[in-house]
Amino acid sequence: EGVEIVPKNENVQLSAKLNRPAGDRRSSGEVHFTLTEIPTPKDAEID
């Protein structure tokens, strides 16, 4: 929630590309992960 902050699209894309090795470690099973995502009031509002 909060006032929207609009990042530079090129920076978001570059971050995703550069950080991909960390994601690859998880998708390959090298790093075992568990996660949850606690809904926010914004989620409830959207739905």
PDB file of all heavy atoms in Angstrom:
ATOM      1  N   GLU A   1       0.838  -1.185   0.000  1.00  0.00           N
ATOM      2  CA  GLU A   1       0.000   0.000   0.000  1.00  0.00           C
ATOM      3  C   GLU A   1       0.880   1.244   0.000  1.00  0.00           C
ATOM      4  O   GLU A   1       2.067   1.184   0.291  1.00  0.00           O
ATOM      5  CB  GLU A   1      -0.905   0.001   1.226  1.00  0.00           C
ATOM      6  CG  GLU A   1      -1.872  -1.188   1.261  1.00  0.00           C
ATOM      7  CD  GLU A   1      -2.799  -1.131   2.455  1.00  0.00           C
ATOM      8  OE1 GLU A   1      -2.374  -1.570   3.528  1.00  0.00           O
ATOM      9  OE2 GLU A   1      -3.927  -0.659   2.288  1.00  0.00           O
ATOM     10  N   GLY A   2       0.290   2.386  -0.316  1.00  0.00           N
ATOM     11  CA  GLY A   2       1.027   3.632  -0.304  1.00  0.00           C
ATOM     12  C   GLY A   2       1.039   4.291  -1.670  1.00  0.00           C
ATOM     13  O   GLY A   2       0.614   3.716  -2.675  1.00  0.00           O
ATOM     14  N   VAL A   3       1.542   5.518  -1.700  1.00  0.00           N
ATOM     15  CA  VAL A   3       1.630   6.278  -2.940  1.00  0.00           C
ATOM     16  C   VAL A   3       2.528   5.530  -3.921  1.00  0.00           C
ATOM     17  O   VAL A   3       3.619   5.070  -3.562  1.00  0.00           O
ATOM     18  CB  VAL A   3       2.186   7.692  -2.679  1.00  0.00           C
ATOM     19  CG1 VAL A   3       2.351   8.462  -3.991  1.00  0.00           C
ATOM     20  CG2 VAL A   3       1.272   8.453  -1.717  1.00  0.00           C
ATOM     21  N   GLU A   4       2.064   5.399  -5.149  1.00  0.00           N
ATOM     22  CA  GLU A   4       2.814   4.641  -6.142  1.00  0.00           C
ATOM     23  C   GLU A   4       4.155   5.309  -6.451  1.00  0.00           C
ATOM     24  O   GLU A   4       4.238   6.532  -6.630  1.00  0.00           O
ATOM     25  CB  GLU A   4       1.993   4.507  -7.430  1.00  0.00           C
ATOM     26  CG  GLU A   4       2.692   3.772  -8.556  1.00  0.00           C
ATOM     27  CD  GLU A   4       2.984   2.310  -8.230  1.00  0.00           C
ATOM     28  OE1 GLU A   4       2.450   1.790  -7.231  1.00  0.00           O
ATOM     29  OE2 GLU A   4       3.756   1.698  -8.974  1.00  0.00           O
ATOM     30  N   ILE A   5       5.208   4.501  -6.462  1.00  0.00           N
ATOM     31  CA  ILE A   5       6.540   4.945  -6.882  1.00  0.00           C
ATOM     32  C   ILE A   5       6.849   4.231  -8.193  1.00  0.00           C
ATOM     33  O   ILE A   5       6.824   3.003  -8.249  1.00  0.00           O
ATOM     34  CB  ILE A   5       7.602   4.622  -5.822  1.00  0.00           C
ATOM     35  CG1 ILE A   5       7.296   5.367  -4.521  1.00  0.00           C
ATOM     36  CG2 ILE A   5       9.006   4.968  -6.329  1.00  0.00           C
ATOM     37  CD1 ILE A   5       8.173   4.961  -3.355  1.00  0.00           C
ATOM     38  N   VAL A   6       7.109   4.985  -9.233  1.00  0.00           N
ATOM     39  CA  VAL A   6       7.292   4.413 -10.568  1.00  0.00           C
ATOM     40  C   VAL A   6       8.789   4.341 -10.881  1.00  0.00           C
ATOM     41  O   VAL A   6       9.434   5.370 -11.088  1.00  0.00           O
ATOM     42  CB  VAL A   6       6.565   5.236 -11.641  1.00  0.00           C
ATOM     43  CG1 VAL A   6       6.746   4.599 -13.019  1.00  0.00           C
ATOM     44  CG2 VAL A   6       5.080   5.358 -11.297  1.00  0.00           C
ATOM     45  N   PRO A   7       9.361   3.153 -10.903  1.00  0.00           N
ATOM     46  CA  PRO A   7      10.795   3.022 -11.198  1.00  0.00           C
ATOM     47  C   PRO A   7      11.056   3.159 -12.696  1.00  0.00           C
ATOM     48  O   PRO A   7      10.134   3.084 -13.517  1.00  0.00           O
ATOM     49  CB  PRO A   7      11.107   1.600 -10.719  1.00  0.00           C
ATOM     50  CG  PRO A   7       9.828   0.853 -10.910  1.00  0.00           C
ATOM     51  CD  PRO A   7       8.724   1.839 -10.666  1.00  0.00           C
ATOM     52  N   LYS A   8      12.316   3.348 -13.045  1.00  0.00           N
ATOM     53  CA  LYS A   8      12.693   3.327 -14.461  1.00  0.00           C
ATOM     54  C   LYS A   8      12.576   1.893 -14.971  1.00  0.00           C
ATOM     55  O   LYS A   8      13.163   0.969 -14.384  1.00  0.00           O
ATOM     56  CB  LYS A   8      14.131   3.812 -14.635  1.00  0.00           C
ATOM     57  CG  LYS A   8      14.373   5.265 -14.286  1.00  0.00           C
ATOM     58  CD  LYS A   8      15.855   5.587 -14.434  1.00  0.00           C
ATOM     59  CE  LYS A   8      16.181   6.996 -13.958  1.00  0.00           C
ATOM     60  NZ  LYS A   8      17.646   7.246 -13.975  1.00  0.00           N
ATOM     61  N   ASN A   9      11.846   1.722 -16.039  1.00  0.00           N
ATOM     62  CA  ASN A   9      11.632   0.384 -16.570  1.00  0.00           C
ATOM     63  C   ASN A   9      12.948  -0.308 -16.891  1.00  0.00           C
ATOM     64  O   ASN A   9      13.129  -1.494 -16.632  1.00  0.00           O
ATOM     65  CB  ASN A   9      10.750   0.449 -17.811  1.00  0.00           C
ATOM     66  CG  ASN A   9      10.368  -0.920 -18.325  1.00  0.00           C
ATOM     67  OD1 ASN A   9       9.898  -1.762 -17.583  1.00  0.00           O
ATOM     68  ND2 ASN A   9      10.601  -1.148 -19.605  1.00  0.00           N
ATOM     69  N   GLU A  10      13.911   0.453 -17.465  1.00  0.00           N
ATOM     70  CA  GLU A  10      15.185  -0.153 -17.844  1.00  0.00           C
ATOM     71  C   GLU A  10      15.953  -0.657 -16.616  1.00  0.00           C
ATOM     72  O   GLU A  10      16.692  -1.655 -16.681  1.00  0.00           O
ATOM     73  CB  GLU A  10      16.047   0.814 -18.647  1.00  0.00           C
ATOM     74  CG  GLU A  10      16.416   2.118 -17.946  1.00  0.00           C
ATOM     75  CD  GLU A  10      15.437   3.251 -18.192  1.00  0.00           C
ATOM     76  OE1 GLU A  10      14.239   2.965 -18.434  1.00  0.00           O
ATOM     77  OE2 GLU A  10      15.869   4.428 -18.132  1.00  0.00           O
ATOM     78  N   ASN A  11      15.761   0.014 -15.465  1.00  0.00           N
ATOM     79  CA  ASN A  11      16.428  -0.438 -14.248  1.00  0.00           C
ATOM     80  C   ASN A  11      15.785  -1.716 -13.697  1.00  0.00           C
ATOM     81  O   ASN A  11      16.473  -2.606 -13.197  1.00  0.00           O
ATOM     82  CB  ASN A  11      16.395   0.654 -13.187  1.00  0.00           C
ATOM     83  CG  ASN A  11      17.443   1.729 -13.415  1.00  0.00           C
ATOM     84  OD1 ASN A  11      18.370   1.538 -14.209  1.00  0.00           O
ATOM     85  ND2 ASN A  11      17.300   2.856 -12.741  1.00  0.00           N
ATOM     86  N   VAL A  12      14.462  -1.790 -13.789  1.00  0.00           N
ATOM     87  CA  VAL A  12      13.773  -3.006 -13.349  1.00  0.00           C
ATOM     88  C   VAL A  12      14.210  -4.189 -14.206  1.00  0.00           C
ATOM     89  O   VAL A  12      14.508  -5.281 -13.692  1.00  0.00           O
ATOM     90  CB  VAL A  12      12.247  -2.811 -13.434  1.00  0.00           C
ATOM     91  CG1 VAL A  12      11.525  -4.104 -13.060  1.00  0.00           C
ATOM     92  CG2 VAL A  12      11.800  -1.686 -12.515  1.00  0.00           C
ATOM     93  N   GLN A  13      14.266  -3.972 -15.515  1.00  0.00           N
ATOM     94  CA  GLN A  13      14.662  -5.053 -16.424  1.00  0.00           C
ATOM     95  C   GLN A  13      16.108  -5.478 -16.171  1.00  0.00           C
ATOM     96  O   GLN A  13      16.427  -6.678 -16.158  1.00  0.00           O
ATOM     97  CB  GLN A  13      14.503  -4.600 -17.883  1.00  0.00           C
ATOM     98  CG  GLN A  13      13.124  -4.075 -18.253  1.00  0.00           C
ATOM     99  CD  GLN A  13      12.093  -5.175 -18.418  1.00  0.00           C
ATOM    100  OE1 GLN A  13      12.249  -6.263 -17.881  1.00  0.00           O
ATOM    101  NE2 GLN A  13      11.022  -4.892 -19.125  1.00  0.00           N
ATOM    102  N   LEU A  14      16.980  -4.496 -15.967  1.00  0.00           N
ATOM    103  CA  LEU A  14      18.388  -4.819 -15.735  1.00  0.00           C
ATOM    104  C   LEU A  14      18.572  -5.567 -14.421  1.00  0.00           C
ATOM    105  O   LEU A  14      19.335  -6.542 -14.358  1.00  0.00           O
ATOM    106  CB  LEU A  14      19.219  -3.527 -15.740  1.00  0.00           C
ATOM    107  CG  LEU A  14      20.726  -3.699 -15.534  1.00  0.00           C
ATOM    108  CD1 LEU A  14      21.340  -4.567 -16.626  1.00  0.00           C
ATOM    109  CD2 LEU A  14      21.418  -2.331 -15.479  1.00  0.00           C
ATOM    110  N   SER A  15      17.862  -5.143 -13.384  1.00  0.00           N
ATOM    111  CA  SER A  15      17.960  -5.837 -12.094  1.00  0.00           C
ATOM    112  C   SER A  15      17.528  -7.284 -12.221  1.00  0.00           C
ATOM    113  O   SER A  15      18.176  -8.197 -11.694  1.00  0.00           O
ATOM    114  CB  SER A  15      17.084  -5.130 -11.043  1.00  0.00           C
ATOM    115  OG  SER A  15      17.604  -3.868 -10.711  1.00  0.00           O
ATOM    116  N   ALA A  16      16.411  -7.497 -12.930  1.00  0.00           N
ATOM    117  CA  ALA A  16      15.916  -8.869 -13.106  1.00  0.00           C
ATOM    118  C   ALA A  16      16.940  -9.723 -13.841  1.00  0.00           C
ATOM    119  O   ALA A  16      17.177 -10.884 -13.485  1.00  0.00           O
ATOM    120  CB  ALA A  16      14.599  -8.846 -13.864  1.00  0.00           C
ATOM    121  N   LYS A  17      17.556  -9.151 -14.855  1.00  0.00           N
ATOM    122  CA  LYS A  17      18.558  -9.893 -15.631  1.00  0.00           C
ATOM    123  C   LYS A  17      19.790 -10.208 -14.790  1.00  0.00           C
ATOM    124  O   LYS A  17      20.280 -11.344 -14.782  1.00  0.00           O
ATOM    125  CB  LYS A  17      18.952  -9.081 -16.863  1.00  0.00           C
ATOM    126  CG  LYS A  17      20.025  -9.726 -17.723  1.00  0.00           C
ATOM    127  CD  LYS A  17      20.378  -8.832 -18.899  1.00  0.00           C
ATOM    128  CE  LYS A  17      21.503  -9.442 -19.739  1.00  0.00           C
ATOM    129  NZ  LYS A  17      21.882  -8.553 -20.881  1.00  0.00           N
ATOM    130  N   LEU A  18      20.284  -9.211 -14.065  1.00  0.00           N
ATOM    131  CA  LEU A  18      21.512  -9.400 -13.295  1.00  0.00           C
ATOM    132  C   LEU A  18      21.306 -10.320 -12.090  1.00  0.00           C
ATOM    133  O   LEU A  18      22.222 -11.065 -11.712  1.00  0.00           O
ATOM    134  CB  LEU A  18      22.044  -8.045 -12.829  1.00  0.00           C
ATOM    135  CG  LEU A  18      22.506  -7.072 -13.922  1.00  0.00           C
ATOM    136  CD1 LEU A  18      22.876  -5.728 -13.294  1.00  0.00           C
ATOM    137  CD2 LEU A  18      23.685  -7.639 -14.698  1.00  0.00           C
ATOM    138  N   ASN A  19      20.116 -10.263 -11.473  1.00  0.00           N
ATOM    139  CA  ASN A  19      19.858 -11.068 -10.274  1.00  0.00           C
ATOM    140  C   ASN A  19      19.411 -12.490 -10.584  1.00  0.00           C
ATOM    141  O   ASN A  19      19.206 -13.295  -9.670  1.00  0.00           O
ATOM    142  CB  ASN A  19      18.779 -10.393  -9.414  1.00  0.00           C
ATOM    143  CG  ASN A  19      19.258  -9.086  -8.810  1.00  0.00           C
ATOM    144  OD1 ASN A  19      20.456  -8.816  -8.742  1.00  0.00           O
ATOM    145  ND2 ASN A  19      18.309  -8.272  -8.377  1.00  0.00           N
ATOM    146  N   ARG A  20      19.294 -12.797 -11.853  1.00  0.00           N
ATOM    147  CA  ARG A  20      18.782 -14.108 -12.254  1.00  0.00           C
ATOM    148  C   ARG A  20      19.577 -15.288 -11.681  1.00  0.00           C
ATOM    149  O   ARG A  20      18.975 -16.312 -11.330  1.00  0.00           O
ATOM    150  CB  ARG A  20      18.743 -14.185 -13.782  1.00  0.00           C
ATOM    151  CG  ARG A  20      18.243 -15.499 -14.327  1.00  0.00           C
ATOM    152  CD  ARG A  20      18.080 -15.431 -15.822  1.00  0.00           C
ATOM    153  NE  ARG A  20      18.184 -16.754 -16.426  1.00  0.00           N
ATOM    154  CZ  ARG A  20      18.143 -16.982 -17.720  1.00  0.00           C
ATOM    155  NH1 ARG A  20      17.999 -15.971 -18.556  1.00  0.00           N
ATOM    156  NH2 ARG A  20      18.247 -18.201 -18.188  1.00  0.00           N
ATOM    157  N   PRO A  21      20.900 -15.204 -11.522  1.00  0.00           N
ATOM    158  CA  PRO A  21      21.603 -16.357 -10.941  1.00  0.00           C
ATOM    159  C   PRO A  21      21.082 -16.779  -9.575  1.00  0.00           C
ATOM    160  O   PRO A  21      21.071 -17.982  -9.257  1.00  0.00           O
ATOM    161  CB  PRO A  21      23.056 -15.873 -10.865  1.00  0.00           C
ATOM    162  CG  PRO A  21      23.172 -14.890 -11.984  1.00  0.00           C
ATOM    163  CD  PRO A  21      21.854 -14.182 -12.015  1.00  0.00           C
ATOM    164  N   ALA A  22      20.623 -15.835  -8.765  1.00  0.00           N
ATOM    165  CA  ALA A  22      20.064 -16.203  -7.458  1.00  0.00           C
ATOM    166  C   ALA A  22      18.762 -16.971  -7.645  1.00  0.00           C
ATOM    167  O   ALA A  22      18.508 -17.970  -6.953  1.00  0.00           O
ATOM    168  CB  ALA A  22      19.821 -14.959  -6.611  1.00  0.00           C
ATOM    169  N   GLY A  23      17.922 -16.530  -8.586  1.00  0.00           N
ATOM    170  CA  GLY A  23      16.703 -17.261  -8.884  1.00  0.00           C
ATOM    171  C   GLY A  23      16.991 -18.637  -9.448  1.00  0.00           C
ATOM    172  O   GLY A  23      16.296 -19.617  -9.125  1.00  0.00           O
ATOM    173  N   ASP A  24      18.033 -18.727 -10.278  1.00  0.00           N
ATOM    174  CA  ASP A  24      18.403 -20.024 -10.858  1.00  0.00           C
ATOM    175  C   ASP A  24      18.826 -21.006  -9.773  1.00  0.00           C
ATOM    176  O   ASP A  24      18.549 -22.214  -9.880  1.00  0.00           O
ATOM    177  CB  ASP A  24      19.541 -19.847 -11.865  1.00  0.00           C
ATOM    178  CG  ASP A  24      19.096 -19.151 -13.147  1.00  0.00           C
ATOM    179  OD1 ASP A  24      17.875 -19.050 -13.374  1.00  0.00           O
ATOM    180  OD2 ASP A  24      19.975 -18.713 -13.913  1.00  0.00           O
ATOM    181  N   ARG A  25      19.484 -20.523  -8.731  1.00  0.00           N
ATOM    182  CA  ARG A  25      19.894 -21.411  -7.643  1.00  0.00           C
ATOM    183  C   ARG A  25      18.682 -22.010  -6.929  1.00  0.00           C
ATOM    184  O   ARG A  25      18.723 -23.151  -6.466  1.00  0.00           O
ATOM    185  CB  ARG A  25      20.753 -20.649  -6.626  1.00  0.00           C
ATOM    186  CG  ARG A  25      22.101 -20.180  -7.153  1.00  0.00           C
ATOM    187  CD  ARG A  25      22.896 -19.511  -6.050  1.00  0.00           C
ATOM    188  NE  ARG A  25      23.354 -20.482  -5.064  1.00  0.00           N
ATOM    189  CZ  ARG A  25      23.504 -20.243  -3.778  1.00  0.00           C
ATOM    190  NH1 ARG A  25      23.192 -19.036  -3.288  1.00  0.00           N
ATOM    191  NH2 ARG A  25      23.949 -21.164  -2.960  1.00  0.00           N
ATOM    192  N   ARG A  26      17.602 -21.255  -6.876  1.00  0.00           N
ATOM    193  CA  ARG A  26      16.391 -21.746  -6.233  1.00  0.00           C
ATOM    194  C   ARG A  26      15.571 -22.633  -7.167  1.00  0.00           C
ATOM    195  O   ARG A  26      15.070 -23.678  -6.754  1.00  0.00           O
ATOM    196  CB  ARG A  26      15.565 -20.558  -5.733  1.00  0.00           C
ATOM    197  CG  ARG A  26      16.213 -19.908  -4.495  1.00  0.00           C
ATOM    198  CD  ARG A  26      15.967 -18.422  -4.383  1.00  0.00           C
ATOM    199  NE  ARG A  26      16.628 -17.865  -3.195  1.00  0.00           N
ATOM    200  CZ  ARG A  26      17.916 -17.544  -3.144  1.00  0.00           C
ATOM    201  NH1 ARG A  26      18.711 -17.733  -4.197  1.00  0.00           N
ATOM    202  NH2 ARG A  26      18.438 -17.037  -2.043  1.00  0.00           N
ATOM    203  N   SER A  27      15.451 -22.233  -8.428  1.00  0.00           N
ATOM    204  CA  SER A  27      14.651 -23.038  -9.353  1.00  0.00           C
ATOM    205  C   SER A  27      15.323 -24.365  -9.674  1.00  0.00           C
ATOM    206  O   SER A  27      14.655 -25.336 -10.031  1.00  0.00           O
ATOM    207  CB  SER A  27      14.384 -22.259 -10.644  1.00  0.00           C
ATOM    208  OG  SER A  27      15.574 -22.054 -11.381  1.00  0.00           O
ATOM    209  N   SER A  28      16.642 -24.428  -9.523  1.00  0.00           N
ATOM    210  CA  SER A  28      17.350 -25.681  -9.775  1.00  0.00           C
ATOM    211  C   SER A  28      17.316 -26.624  -8.576  1.00  0.00           C
ATOM    212  O   SER A  28      17.644 -27.811  -8.701  1.00  0.00           O
ATOM    213  CB  SER A  28      18.815 -25.398 -10.128  1.00  0.00           C
ATOM    214  OG  SER A  28      19.521 -24.919  -8.996  1.00  0.00           O
ATOM    215  N   GLY A  29      16.946 -26.086  -7.414  1.00  0.00           N
ATOM    216  CA  GLY A  29      16.957 -26.891  -6.195  1.00  0.00           C
ATOM    217  C   GLY A  29      18.251 -26.784  -5.412  1.00  0.00           C
ATOM    218  O   GLY A  29      18.369 -27.354  -4.327  1.00  0.00           O
ATOM    219  N   GLU A  30      19.224 -26.036  -5.933  1.00  0.00           N
ATOM    220  CA  GLU A  30      20.485 -25.857  -5.199  1.00  0.00           C
ATOM    221  C   GLU A  30      20.231 -25.209  -3.849  1.00  0.00           C
ATOM    222  O   GLU A  30      20.835 -25.582  -2.831  1.00  0.00           O
ATOM    223  CB  GLU A  30      21.448 -25.006  -6.022  1.00  0.00           C
ATOM    224  CG  GLU A  30      22.768 -24.724  -5.325  1.00  0.00           C
ATOM    225  CD  GLU A  30      23.664 -23.764  -6.102  1.00  0.00           C
ATOM    226  OE1 GLU A  30      23.410 -23.529  -7.297  1.00  0.00           O
ATOM    227  OE2 GLU A  30      24.629 -23.251  -5.502  1.00  0.00           O
ATOM    228  N   VAL A  31      19.349 -24.219  -3.830  1.00  0.00           N
ATOM    229  CA  VAL A  31      18.919 -23.575  -2.584  1.00  0.00           C
ATOM    230  C   VAL A  31      17.472 -23.976  -2.339  1.00  0.00           C
ATOM    231  O   VAL A  31      16.584 -23.622  -3.108  1.00  0.00           O
ATOM    232  CB  VAL A  31      19.041 -22.043  -2.672  1.00  0.00           C
ATOM    233  CG1 VAL A  31      18.435 -21.391  -1.425  1.00  0.00           C
ATOM    234  CG2 VAL A  31      20.506 -21.632  -2.822  1.00  0.00           C
ATOM    235  N   HIS A  32      17.246 -24.750  -1.275  1.00  0.00           N
ATOM    236  CA  HIS A  32      15.883 -25.143  -0.922  1.00  0.00           C
ATOM    237  C   HIS A  32      15.165 -23.936  -0.339  1.00  0.00           C
ATOM    238  O   HIS A  32      15.683 -23.240   0.529  1.00  0.00           O
ATOM    239  CB  HIS A  32      15.919 -26.267   0.111  1.00  0.00           C
ATOM    240  CG  HIS A  32      14.557 -26.684   0.584  1.00  0.00           C
ATOM    241  ND1 HIS A  32      13.881 -27.743   0.035  1.00  0.00           N
ATOM    242  CD2 HIS A  32      13.747 -26.167   1.552  1.00  0.00           C
ATOM    243  CE1 HIS A  32      12.705 -27.870   0.640  1.00  0.00           C
ATOM    244  NE2 HIS A  32      12.605 -26.928   1.569  1.00  0.00           N
ATOM    245  N   PHE A  33      13.950 -23.677  -0.838  1.00  0.00           N
ATOM    246  CA  PHE A  33      13.219 -22.512  -0.355  1.00  0.00           C
ATOM    247  C   PHE A  33      11.845 -22.914   0.153  1.00  0.00           C
ATOM    248  O   PHE A  33      11.228 -23.876  -0.311  1.00  0.00           O
ATOM    249  CB  PHE A  33      13.071 -21.467  -1.465  1.00  0.00           C
ATOM    250  CG  PHE A  33      12.168 -21.902  -2.607  1.00  0.00           C
ATOM    251  CD1 PHE A  33      10.810 -21.660  -2.565  1.00  0.00           C
ATOM    252  CD2 PHE A  33      12.707 -22.555  -3.712  1.00  0.00           C
ATOM    253  CE1 PHE A  33       9.989 -22.077  -3.606  1.00  0.00           C
ATOM    254  CE2 PHE A  33      11.893 -22.960  -4.757  1.00  0.00           C
ATOM    255  CZ  PHE A  33      10.527 -22.726  -4.701  1.00  0.00           C
ATOM    256  N   THR A  34      11.367 -22.168   1.143  1.00  0.00           N
ATOM    257  CA  THR A  34       9.968 -22.189   1.530  1.00  0.00           C
ATOM    258  C   THR A  34       9.511 -20.738   1.606  1.00  0.00           C
ATOM    259  O   THR A  34      10.284 -19.858   2.019  1.00  0.00           O
ATOM    260  CB  THR A  34       9.723 -22.875   2.884  1.00  0.00           C
ATOM    261  OG1 THR A  34      10.544 -22.248   3.885  1.00  0.00           O
ATOM    262  CG2 THR A  34      10.040 -24.345   2.831  1.00  0.00           C
ATOM    263  N   LEU A  35       8.263 -20.508   1.220  1.00  0.00           N
ATOM    264  CA  LEU A  35       7.795 -19.124   1.243  1.00  0.00           C
ATOM    265  C   LEU A  35       6.300 -19.074   1.486  1.00  0.00           C
ATOM    266  O   LEU A  35       5.563 -20.016   1.200  1.00  0.00           O
ATOM    267  CB  LEU A  35       8.152 -18.398  -0.053  1.00  0.00           C
ATOM    268  CG  LEU A  35       7.479 -18.837  -1.354  1.00  0.00           C
ATOM    269  CD1 LEU A  35       6.173 -18.081  -1.598  1.00  0.00           C
ATOM    270  CD2 LEU A  35       8.410 -18.618  -2.543  1.00  0.00           C
ATOM    271  N   THR A  36       5.898 -17.945   2.014  1.00  0.00           N
ATOM    272  CA  THR A  36       4.490 -17.601   2.086  1.00  0.00           C
ATOM    273  C   THR A  36       4.352 -16.138   1.731  1.00  0.00           C
ATOM    274  O   THR A  36       5.348 -15.403   1.637  1.00  0.00           O
ATOM    275  CB  THR A  36       3.900 -17.889   3.482  1.00  0.00           C
ATOM    276  OG1 THR A  36       2.483 -17.845   3.418  1.00  0.00           O
ATOM    277  CG2 THR A  36       4.384 -16.865   4.520  1.00  0.00           C
ATOM    278  N   GLU A  37       3.123 -15.719   1.516  1.00  0.00           N
ATOM    279  CA  GLU A  37       2.849 -14.323   1.168  1.00  0.00           C
ATOM    280  C   GLU A  37       1.601 -13.908   1.935  1.00  0.00           C
ATOM    281  O   GLU A  37       0.485 -14.286   1.566  1.00  0.00           O
ATOM    282  CB  GLU A  37       2.650 -14.181  -0.340  1.00  0.00           C
ATOM    283  CG  GLU A  37       2.554 -12.747  -0.814  1.00  0.00           C
ATOM    284  CD  GLU A  37       2.580 -12.643  -2.333  1.00  0.00           C
ATOM    285  OE1 GLU A  37       3.619 -13.011  -2.925  1.00  0.00           O
ATOM    286  OE2 GLU A  37       1.568 -12.218  -2.917  1.00  0.00           O
ATOM    287  N   ILE A  38       1.791 -13.170   3.011  1.00  0.00           N
ATOM    288  CA  ILE A  38       0.682 -12.768   3.866  1.00  0.00           C
ATOM    289  C   ILE A  38      -0.166 -11.728   3.141  1.00  0.00           C
ATOM    290  O   ILE A  38       0.339 -10.668   2.759  1.00  0.00           O
ATOM    291  CB  ILE A  38       1.190 -12.176   5.190  1.00  0.00           C
ATOM    292  CG1 ILE A  38       2.170 -13.130   5.888  1.00  0.00           C
ATOM    293  CG2 ILE A  38       0.007 -11.834   6.091  1.00  0.00           C
ATOM    294  CD1 ILE A  38       1.571 -14.385   6.417  1.00  0.00           C
ATOM    295  N   PRO A  39      -1.435 -11.988   2.919  1.00  0.00           N
ATOM    296  CA  PRO A  39      -2.265 -10.991   2.229  1.00  0.00           C
ATOM    297  C   PRO A  39      -2.310  -9.669   2.986  1.00  0.00           C
ATOM    298  O   PRO A  39      -2.283  -9.627   4.225  1.00  0.00           O
ATOM    299  CB  PRO A  39      -3.654 -11.655   2.197  1.00  0.00           C
ATOM    300  CG  PRO A  39      -3.384 -13.117   2.317  1.00  0.00           C
ATOM    301  CD  PRO A  39      -2.183 -13.224   3.212  1.00  0.00           C
ATOM    302  N   THR A  40      -2.389  -8.599   2.230  1.00  0.00           N
ATOM    303  CA  THR A  40      -2.482  -7.258   2.790  1.00  0.00           C
ATOM    304  C   THR A  40      -3.909  -6.739   2.629  1.00  0.00           C
ATOM    305  O   THR A  40      -4.700  -7.291   1.854  1.00  0.00           O
ATOM    306  CB  THR A  40      -1.531  -6.294   2.059  1.00  0.00           C
ATOM    307  OG1 THR A  40      -1.957  -6.186   0.678  1.00  0.00           O
ATOM    308  CG2 THR A  40      -0.098  -6.795   2.113  1.00  0.00           C
ATOM    309  N   PRO A  41      -4.260  -5.656   3.329  1.00  0.00           N
ATOM    310  CA  PRO A  41      -5.571  -5.031   3.073  1.00  0.00           C
ATOM    311  C   PRO A  41      -5.764  -4.650   1.608  1.00  0.00           C
ATOM    312  O   PRO A  41      -6.889  -4.698   1.106  1.00  0.00           O
ATOM    313  CB  PRO A  41      -5.538  -3.797   3.986  1.00  0.00           C
ATOM    314  CG  PRO A  41      -4.661  -4.203   5.131  1.00  0.00           C
ATOM    315  CD  PRO A  41      -3.579  -5.040   4.490  1.00  0.00           C
ATOM    316  N   LYS A  42      -4.662  -4.327   0.916  1.00  0.00           N
ATOM    317  CA  LYS A  42      -4.774  -4.006  -0.508  1.00  0.00           C
ATOM    318  C   LYS A  42      -5.200  -5.225  -1.310  1.00  0.00           C
ATOM    319  O   LYS A  42      -6.010  -5.110  -2.239  1.00  0.00           O
ATOM    320  CB  LYS A  42      -3.422  -3.482  -1.018  1.00  0.00           C
ATOM    321  CG  LYS A  42      -3.444  -3.043  -2.485  1.00  0.00           C
ATOM    322  CD  LYS A  42      -4.302  -1.804  -2.674  1.00  0.00           C
ATOM    323  CE  LYS A  42      -4.195  -1.278  -4.098  1.00  0.00           C
ATOM    324  NZ  LYS A  42      -5.085  -0.106  -4.313  1.00  0.00           N
ATOM    325  N   ASP A  43      -4.679  -6.410  -0.968  1.00  0.00           N
ATOM    326  CA  ASP A  43      -5.120  -7.639  -1.635  1.00  0.00           C
ATOM    327  C   ASP A  43      -6.622  -7.834  -1.452  1.00  0.00           C
ATOM    328  O   ASP A  43      -7.333  -8.178  -2.397  1.00  0.00           O
ATOM    329  CB  ASP A  43      -4.389  -8.858  -1.052  1.00  0.00           C
ATOM    330  CG  ASP A  43      -2.939  -8.927  -1.471  1.00  0.00           C
ATOM    331  OD1 ASP A  43      -2.659  -8.724  -2.652  1.00  0.00           O
ATOM    332  OD2 ASP A  43      -2.102  -9.191  -0.599  1.00  0.00           O
ATOM    333  N   ALA A  44      -7.098  -7.638  -0.219  1.00  0.00           N
ATOM    334  CA  ALA A  44      -8.521  -7.812   0.057  1.00  0.00           C
ATOM    335  C   ALA A  44      -9.353  -6.812  -0.733  1.00  0.00           C
ATOM    336  O   ALA A  44     -10.409  -7.156  -1.284  1.00  0.00           O
ATOM    337  CB  ALA A  44      -8.778  -7.666   1.556  1.00  0.00           C
ATOM    338  N   GLU A  45      -8.861  -5.588  -0.812  1.00  0.00           N
ATOM    339  CA  GLU A  45      -9.569  -4.556  -1.582  1.00  0.00           C
ATOM    340  C   GLU A  45      -9.646  -4.938  -3.057  1.00  0.00           C
ATOM    341  O   GLU A  45     -10.706  -4.832  -3.687  1.00  0.00           O
ATOM    342  CB  GLU A  45      -8.843  -3.218  -1.416  1.00  0.00           C
ATOM    343  CG  GLU A  45      -9.432  -2.079  -2.219  1.00  0.00           C
ATOM    344  CD  GLU A  45      -8.566  -0.827  -2.158  1.00  0.00           C
ATOM    345  OE1 GLU A  45      -7.924  -0.595  -1.110  1.00  0.00           O
ATOM    346  OE2 GLU A  45      -8.514  -0.099  -3.166  1.00  0.00           O
ATOM    347  N   ILE A  46      -8.539  -5.399  -3.617  1.00  0.00           N
ATOM    348  CA  ILE A  46      -8.503  -5.779  -5.031  1.00  0.00           C
ATOM    349  C   ILE A  46      -9.500  -6.898  -5.316  1.00  0.00           C
ATOM    350  O   ILE A  46     -10.186  -6.898  -6.344  1.00  0.00           O
ATOM    351  CB  ILE A  46      -7.082  -6.209  -5.431  1.00  0.00           C
ATOM    352  CG1 ILE A  46      -6.141  -5.000  -5.434  1.00  0.00           C
ATOM    353  CG2 ILE A  46      -7.070  -6.885  -6.802  1.00  0.00           C
ATOM    354  CD1 ILE A  46      -4.675  -5.364  -5.580  1.00  0.00           C
ATOM    355  N   ASP A  47      -9.600  -7.844  -4.378  1.00  0.00           N
ATOM    356  CA  ASP A  47     -10.465  -9.001  -4.593  1.00  0.00           C
ATOM    357  C   ASP A  47     -11.865  -8.841  -4.015  1.00  0.00           C
ATOM    358  O   ASP A  47     -12.654  -9.783  -4.012  1.00  0.00           O
ATOM    359  CB  ASP A  47      -9.801 -10.252  -4.008  1.00  0.00           C
ATOM    360  CG  ASP A  47      -8.629 -10.718  -4.859  1.00  0.00           C
ATOM    361  OD1 ASP A  47      -8.720 -10.613  -6.090  1.00  0.00           O
ATOM    362  OD2 ASP A  47      -7.621 -11.176  -4.294  1.00  0.00           O
TER     363      ASP A  47
END
